[in-house]
Amino acid sequence: MPYVNIKITREGATAEQKKALIAGVTQLLVDTLGKNPASTFVIIDEVDTDNWGLGGRPVTELRNESQ
């Protein structure tokens, strides 16, 4: 029973993109490890960029600087 947790920043991933991630990761586990897709869990957590840090700084701050 595989459990995959995908964490992405909350910046507008569409429902279709998330659906594609779930299907693609599930298929990867089927193809690579022979897992049963019916018992494969894929969870997508969307994190605000204020709560995601890189190099000691929030991603929101880094993105604002690059604009």
PDB file of N, CA and C in Angstrom:
ATOM      1  N   MET A   1       0.843  -1.174   0.000  1.00  0.00           N
ATOM      2  CA  MET A   1       0.000   0.000   0.000  1.00  0.00           C
ATOM      3  C   MET A   1       0.892   1.243   0.000  1.00  0.00           C
ATOM      4  N   PRO A   2       1.348   1.694  -1.163  1.00  0.00           N
ATOM      5  CA  PRO A   2       2.200   2.882  -1.233  1.00  0.00           C
ATOM      6  C   PRO A   2       1.447   4.144  -0.836  1.00  0.00           C
ATOM      7  N   TYR A   3       2.186   5.029  -0.209  1.00  0.00           N
ATOM      8  CA  TYR A   3       1.680   6.340   0.180  1.00  0.00           C
ATOM      9  C   TYR A   3       2.706   7.355  -0.302  1.00  0.00           C
ATOM     10  N   VAL A   4       2.291   8.249  -1.190  1.00  0.00           N
ATOM     11  CA  VAL A   4       3.189   9.272  -1.731  1.00  0.00           C
ATOM     12  C   VAL A   4       2.627  10.630  -1.347  1.00  0.00           C
ATOM     13  N   ASN A   5       3.477  11.475  -0.772  1.00  0.00           N
ATOM     14  CA  ASN A   5       3.064  12.813  -0.374  1.00  0.00           C
ATOM     15  C   ASN A   5       3.840  13.820  -1.211  1.00  0.00           C
ATOM     16  N   ILE A   6       3.127  14.586  -2.016  1.00  0.00           N
ATOM     17  CA  ILE A   6       3.718  15.620  -2.865  1.00  0.00           C
ATOM     18  C   ILE A   6       3.439  16.963  -2.210  1.00  0.00           C
ATOM     19  N   LYS A   7       4.468  17.741  -2.014  1.00  0.00           N
ATOM     20  CA  LYS A   7       4.298  19.076  -1.453  1.00  0.00           C
ATOM     21  C   LYS A   7       4.693  20.090  -2.518  1.00  0.00           C
ATOM     22  N   ILE A   8       3.765  21.009  -2.785  1.00  0.00           N
ATOM     23  CA  ILE A   8       4.007  22.072  -3.753  1.00  0.00           C
ATOM     24  C   ILE A   8       3.593  23.400  -3.129  1.00  0.00           C
ATOM     25  N   THR A   9       4.146  24.481  -3.650  1.00  0.00           N
ATOM     26  CA  THR A   9       3.704  25.781  -3.168  1.00  0.00           C
ATOM     27  C   THR A   9       2.327  26.085  -3.753  1.00  0.00           C
ATOM     28  N   ARG A  10       1.554  26.805  -2.977  1.00  0.00           N
ATOM     29  CA  ARG A  10       0.197  27.165  -3.382  1.00  0.00           C
ATOM     30  C   ARG A  10       0.280  28.366  -4.315  1.00  0.00           C
ATOM     31  N   GLU A  11       0.457  28.062  -5.600  1.00  0.00           N
ATOM     32  CA  GLU A  11       0.602  29.147  -6.576  1.00  0.00           C
ATOM     33  C   GLU A  11      -0.212  28.877  -7.831  1.00  0.00           C
ATOM     34  N   GLY A  12      -1.318  28.229  -7.665  1.00  0.00           N
ATOM     35  CA  GLY A  12      -2.225  28.104  -8.787  1.00  0.00           C
ATOM     36  C   GLY A  12      -2.140  26.834  -9.597  1.00  0.00           C
ATOM     37  N   ALA A  13      -1.672  25.735  -9.002  1.00  0.00           N
ATOM     38  CA  ALA A  13      -1.749  24.461  -9.722  1.00  0.00           C
ATOM     39  C   ALA A  13      -3.226  24.164  -9.942  1.00  0.00           C
ATOM     40  N   THR A  14      -3.572  23.860 -11.173  1.00  0.00           N
ATOM     41  CA  THR A  14      -4.969  23.624 -11.497  1.00  0.00           C
ATOM     42  C   THR A  14      -5.398  22.225 -11.070  1.00  0.00           C
ATOM     43  N   ALA A  15      -6.699  22.023 -11.010  1.00  0.00           N
ATOM     44  CA  ALA A  15      -7.233  20.700 -10.692  1.00  0.00           C
ATOM     45  C   ALA A  15      -6.761  19.682 -11.721  1.00  0.00           C
ATOM     46  N   GLU A  16      -6.664  20.080 -12.972  1.00  0.00           N
ATOM     47  CA  GLU A  16      -6.192  19.176 -14.027  1.00  0.00           C
ATOM     48  C   GLU A  16      -4.723  18.810 -13.823  1.00  0.00           C
ATOM     49  N   GLN A  17      -3.905  19.770 -13.436  1.00  0.00           N
ATOM     50  CA  GLN A  17      -2.493  19.480 -13.178  1.00  0.00           C
ATOM     51  C   GLN A  17      -2.338  18.526 -12.001  1.00  0.00           C
ATOM     52  N   LYS A  18      -3.123  18.735 -10.945  1.00  0.00           N
ATOM     53  CA  LYS A  18      -3.058  17.851  -9.785  1.00  0.00           C
ATOM     54  C   LYS A  18      -3.563  16.455 -10.144  1.00  0.00           C
ATOM     55  N   LYS A  19      -4.590  16.396 -10.953  1.00  0.00           N
ATOM     56  CA  LYS A  19      -5.093  15.105 -11.428  1.00  0.00           C
ATOM     57  C   LYS A  19      -4.003  14.363 -12.205  1.00  0.00           C
ATOM     58  N   ALA A  20      -3.270  15.096 -13.043  1.00  0.00           N
ATOM     59  CA  ALA A  20      -2.186  14.490 -13.823  1.00  0.00           C
ATOM     60  C   ALA A  20      -1.057  14.001 -12.915  1.00  0.00           C
ATOM     61  N   LEU A  21      -0.739  14.758 -11.868  1.00  0.00           N
ATOM     62  CA  LEU A  21       0.273  14.314 -10.909  1.00  0.00           C
ATOM     63  C   LEU A  21      -0.141  13.009 -10.232  1.00  0.00           C
ATOM     64  N   ILE A  22      -1.375  12.960  -9.779  1.00  0.00           N
ATOM     65  CA  ILE A  22      -1.871  11.761  -9.107  1.00  0.00           C
ATOM     66  C   ILE A  22      -1.821  10.561 -10.048  1.00  0.00           C
ATOM     67  N   ALA A  23      -2.300  10.738 -11.263  1.00  0.00           N
ATOM     68  CA  ALA A  23      -2.301   9.635 -12.233  1.00  0.00           C
ATOM     69  C   ALA A  23      -0.876   9.220 -12.597  1.00  0.00           C
ATOM     70  N   GLY A  24      -0.003  10.208 -12.800  1.00  0.00           N
ATOM     71  CA  GLY A  24       1.366   9.908 -13.209  1.00  0.00           C
ATOM     72  C   GLY A  24       2.168   9.192 -12.135  1.00  0.00           C
ATOM     73  N   VAL A  25       2.041   9.645 -10.906  1.00  0.00           N
ATOM     74  CA  VAL A  25       2.764   9.002  -9.804  1.00  0.00           C
ATOM     75  C   VAL A  25       2.235   7.590  -9.580  1.00  0.00           C
ATOM     76  N   THR A  26       0.924   7.445  -9.647  1.00  0.00           N
ATOM     77  CA  THR A  26       0.336   6.109  -9.498  1.00  0.00           C
ATOM     78  C   THR A  26       0.860   5.175 -10.578  1.00  0.00           C
ATOM     79  N   GLN A  27       0.877   5.636 -11.815  1.00  0.00           N
ATOM     80  CA  GLN A  27       1.357   4.803 -12.918  1.00  0.00           C
ATOM     81  C   GLN A  27       2.832   4.464 -12.772  1.00  0.00           C
ATOM     82  N   LEU A  28       3.623   5.409 -12.277  1.00  0.00           N
ATOM     83  CA  LEU A  28       5.047   5.155 -12.036  1.00  0.00           C
ATOM     84  C   LEU A  28       5.233   4.008 -11.045  1.00  0.00           C
ATOM     85  N   LEU A  29       4.440   4.000  -9.986  1.00  0.00           N
ATOM     86  CA  LEU A  29       4.527   2.919  -8.996  1.00  0.00           C
ATOM     87  C   LEU A  29       4.058   1.589  -9.576  1.00  0.00           C
ATOM     88  N   VAL A  30       3.063   1.624 -10.433  1.00  0.00           N
ATOM     89  CA  VAL A  30       2.610   0.406 -11.111  1.00  0.00           C
ATOM     90  C   VAL A  30       3.718  -0.127 -12.015  1.00  0.00           C
ATOM     91  N   ASP A  31       4.275   0.753 -12.849  1.00  0.00           N
ATOM     92  CA  ASP A  31       5.283   0.344 -13.825  1.00  0.00           C
ATOM     93  C   ASP A  31       6.602  -0.074 -13.185  1.00  0.00           C
ATOM     94  N   THR A  32       7.027   0.652 -12.163  1.00  0.00           N
ATOM     95  CA  THR A  32       8.340   0.427 -11.576  1.00  0.00           C
ATOM     96  C   THR A  32       8.346  -0.664 -10.511  1.00  0.00           C
ATOM     97  N   LEU A  33       7.320  -0.657  -9.664  1.00  0.00           N
ATOM     98  CA  LEU A  33       7.304  -1.581  -8.533  1.00  0.00           C
ATOM     99  C   LEU A  33       6.192  -2.622  -8.594  1.00  0.00           C
ATOM    100  N   GLY A  34       5.361  -2.546  -9.625  1.00  0.00           N
ATOM    101  CA  GLY A  34       4.263  -3.504  -9.753  1.00  0.00           C
ATOM    102  C   GLY A  34       3.179  -3.322  -8.705  1.00  0.00           C
ATOM    103  N   LYS A  35       3.005  -2.105  -8.209  1.00  0.00           N
ATOM    104  CA  LYS A  35       2.014  -1.848  -7.166  1.00  0.00           C
ATOM    105  C   LYS A  35       0.602  -1.796  -7.742  1.00  0.00           C
ATOM    106  N   ASN A  36      -0.342  -2.121  -6.900  1.00  0.00           N
ATOM    107  CA  ASN A  36      -1.753  -2.094  -7.272  1.00  0.00           C
ATOM    108  C   ASN A  36      -2.247  -0.646  -7.193  1.00  0.00           C
ATOM    109  N   PRO A  37      -2.740  -0.079  -8.292  1.00  0.00           N
ATOM    110  CA  PRO A  37      -3.192   1.310  -8.251  1.00  0.00           C
ATOM    111  C   PRO A  37      -4.379   1.518  -7.310  1.00  0.00           C
ATOM    112  N   ALA A  38      -5.169   0.482  -7.089  1.00  0.00           N
ATOM    113  CA  ALA A  38      -6.335   0.607  -6.215  1.00  0.00           C
ATOM    114  C   ALA A  38      -5.949   0.802  -4.750  1.00  0.00           C
ATOM    115  N   SER A  39      -4.723   0.444  -4.404  1.00  0.00           N
ATOM    116  CA  SER A  39      -4.291   0.620  -3.013  1.00  0.00           C
ATOM    117  C   SER A  39      -3.115   1.592  -2.907  1.00  0.00           C
ATOM    118  N   THR A  40      -2.973   2.466  -3.897  1.00  0.00           N
ATOM    119  CA  THR A  40      -1.910   3.469  -3.909  1.00  0.00           C
ATOM    120  C   THR A  40      -2.501   4.830  -3.563  1.00  0.00           C
ATOM    121  N   PHE A  41      -1.952   5.439  -2.525  1.00  0.00           N
ATOM    122  CA  PHE A  41      -2.420   6.746  -2.088  1.00  0.00           C
ATOM    123  C   PHE A  41      -1.450   7.815  -2.551  1.00  0.00           C
ATOM    124  N   VAL A  42      -1.968   8.886  -3.154  1.00  0.00           N
ATOM    125  CA  VAL A  42      -1.164  10.043  -3.536  1.00  0.00           C
ATOM    126  C   VAL A  42      -1.848  11.264  -2.934  1.00  0.00           C
ATOM    127  N   ILE A  43      -1.122  11.961  -2.085  1.00  0.00           N
ATOM    128  CA  ILE A  43      -1.661  13.136  -1.410  1.00  0.00           C
ATOM    129  C   ILE A  43      -0.854  14.345  -1.850  1.00  0.00           C
ATOM    130  N   ILE A  44      -1.550  15.419  -2.203  1.00  0.00           N
ATOM    131  CA  ILE A  44      -0.887  16.671  -2.588  1.00  0.00           C
ATOM    132  C   ILE A  44      -1.178  17.698  -1.506  1.00  0.00           C
ATOM    133  N   ASP A  45      -0.119  18.195  -0.885  1.00  0.00           N
ATOM    134  CA  ASP A  45      -0.234  19.281   0.086  1.00  0.00           C
ATOM    135  C   ASP A  45       0.234  20.561  -0.582  1.00  0.00           C
ATOM    136  N   GLU A  46      -0.607  21.580  -0.522  1.00  0.00           N
ATOM    137  CA  GLU A  46      -0.236  22.885  -1.051  1.00  0.00           C
ATOM    138  C   GLU A  46       0.149  23.785   0.125  1.00  0.00           C
ATOM    139  N   VAL A  47       1.341  24.352   0.059  1.00  0.00           N
ATOM    140  CA  VAL A  47       1.897  25.133   1.150  1.00  0.00           C
ATOM    141  C   VAL A  47       2.024  26.590   0.707  1.00  0.00           C
ATOM    142  N   ASP A  48       1.573  27.503   1.546  1.00  0.00           N
ATOM    143  CA  ASP A  48       1.759  28.921   1.243  1.00  0.00           C
ATOM    144  C   ASP A  48       3.248  29.224   1.164  1.00  0.00           C
ATOM    145  N   THR A  49       3.627  30.113   0.264  1.00  0.00           N
ATOM    146  CA  THR A  49       5.042  30.434   0.097  1.00  0.00           C
ATOM    147  C   THR A  49       5.623  31.108   1.343  1.00  0.00           C
ATOM    148  N   ASP A  50       4.777  31.686   2.196  1.00  0.00           N
ATOM    149  CA  ASP A  50       5.255  32.229   3.473  1.00  0.00           C
ATOM    150  C   ASP A  50       5.738  31.110   4.394  1.00  0.00           C
ATOM    151  N   ASN A  51       5.234  29.898   4.182  1.00  0.00           N
ATOM    152  CA  ASN A  51       5.560  28.762   5.039  1.00  0.00           C
ATOM    153  C   ASN A  51       6.570  27.808   4.399  1.00  0.00           C
ATOM    154  N   TRP A  52       7.191  28.235   3.321  1.00  0.00           N
ATOM    155  CA  TRP A  52       8.180  27.411   2.607  1.00  0.00           C
ATOM    156  C   TRP A  52       9.468  28.206   2.560  1.00  0.00           C
ATOM    157  N   GLY A  53      10.513  27.673   3.144  1.00  0.00           N
ATOM    158  CA  GLY A  53      11.771  28.407   3.195  1.00  0.00           C
ATOM    159  C   GLY A  53      12.839  27.780   2.321  1.00  0.00           C
ATOM    160  N   LEU A  54      13.728  28.610   1.856  1.00  0.00           N
ATOM    161  CA  LEU A  54      14.857  28.179   1.048  1.00  0.00           C
ATOM    162  C   LEU A  54      16.035  29.085   1.388  1.00  0.00           C
ATOM    163  N   GLY A  55      17.132  28.500   1.776  1.00  0.00           N
ATOM    164  CA  GLY A  55      18.313  29.291   2.117  1.00  0.00           C
ATOM    165  C   GLY A  55      18.091  30.215   3.298  1.00  0.00           C
ATOM    166  N   GLY A  56      17.214  29.808   4.199  1.00  0.00           N
ATOM    167  CA  GLY A  56      16.962  30.608   5.391  1.00  0.00           C
ATOM    168  C   GLY A  56      15.970  31.732   5.201  1.00  0.00           C
ATOM    169  N   ARG A  57      15.319  31.769   4.048  1.00  0.00           N
ATOM    170  CA  ARG A  57      14.368  32.855   3.767  1.00  0.00           C
ATOM    171  C   ARG A  57      13.071  32.289   3.204  1.00  0.00           C
ATOM    172  N   PRO A  58      11.940  32.967   3.477  1.00  0.00           N
ATOM    173  CA  PRO A  58      10.665  32.510   2.915  1.00  0.00           C
ATOM    174  C   PRO A  58      10.661  32.669   1.388  1.00  0.00           C
ATOM    175  N   VAL A  59      10.028  31.729   0.725  1.00  0.00           N
ATOM    176  CA  VAL A  59       9.948  31.765  -0.734  1.00  0.00           C
ATOM    177  C   VAL A  59       9.218  33.023  -1.207  1.00  0.00           C
ATOM    178  N   THR A  60       8.223  33.487  -0.451  1.00  0.00           N
ATOM    179  CA  THR A  60       7.515  34.717  -0.831  1.00  0.00           C
ATOM    180  C   THR A  60       8.501  35.864  -1.011  1.00  0.00           C
ATOM    181  N   GLU A  61       9.404  35.999  -0.063  1.00  0.00           N
ATOM    182  CA  GLU A  61      10.414  37.066  -0.113  1.00  0.00           C
ATOM    183  C   GLU A  61      11.334  36.880  -1.319  1.00  0.00           C
ATOM    184  N   LEU A  62      11.770  35.670  -1.554  1.00  0.00           N
ATOM    185  CA  LEU A  62      12.651  35.400  -2.682  1.00  0.00           C
ATOM    186  C   LEU A  62      11.957  35.673  -4.021  1.00  0.00           C
ATOM    187  N   ARG A  63      10.703  35.288  -4.110  1.00  0.00           N
ATOM    188  CA  ARG A  63       9.961  35.516  -5.366  1.00  0.00           C
ATOM    189  C   ARG A  63       9.733  37.014  -5.595  1.00  0.00           C
ATOM    190  N   ASN A  64       9.446  37.749  -4.523  1.00  0.00           N
ATOM    191  CA  ASN A  64       9.237  39.198  -4.669  1.00  0.00           C
ATOM    192  C   ASN A  64      10.489  39.891  -5.165  1.00  0.00           C
ATOM    193  N   GLU A  65      11.644  39.435  -4.740  1.00  0.00           N
ATOM    194  CA  GLU A  65      12.909  40.025  -5.181  1.00  0.00           C
ATOM    195  C   GLU A  65      13.197  39.751  -6.653  1.00  0.00           C
ATOM    196  N   SER A  66      12.747  38.622  -7.132  1.00  0.00           N
ATOM    197  CA  SER A  66      13.067  38.245  -8.511  1.00  0.00           C
ATOM    198  C   SER A  66      12.122  38.860  -9.533  1.00  0.00           C
ATOM    199  N   GLN A  67      11.130  39.586  -9.072  1.00  0.00           N
ATOM    200  CA  GLN A  67      10.167  40.202 -10.013  1.00  0.00           C
ATOM    201  C   GLN A  67      10.598  41.561 -10.448  1.00  0.00           C
TER     202      GLN A  67
END
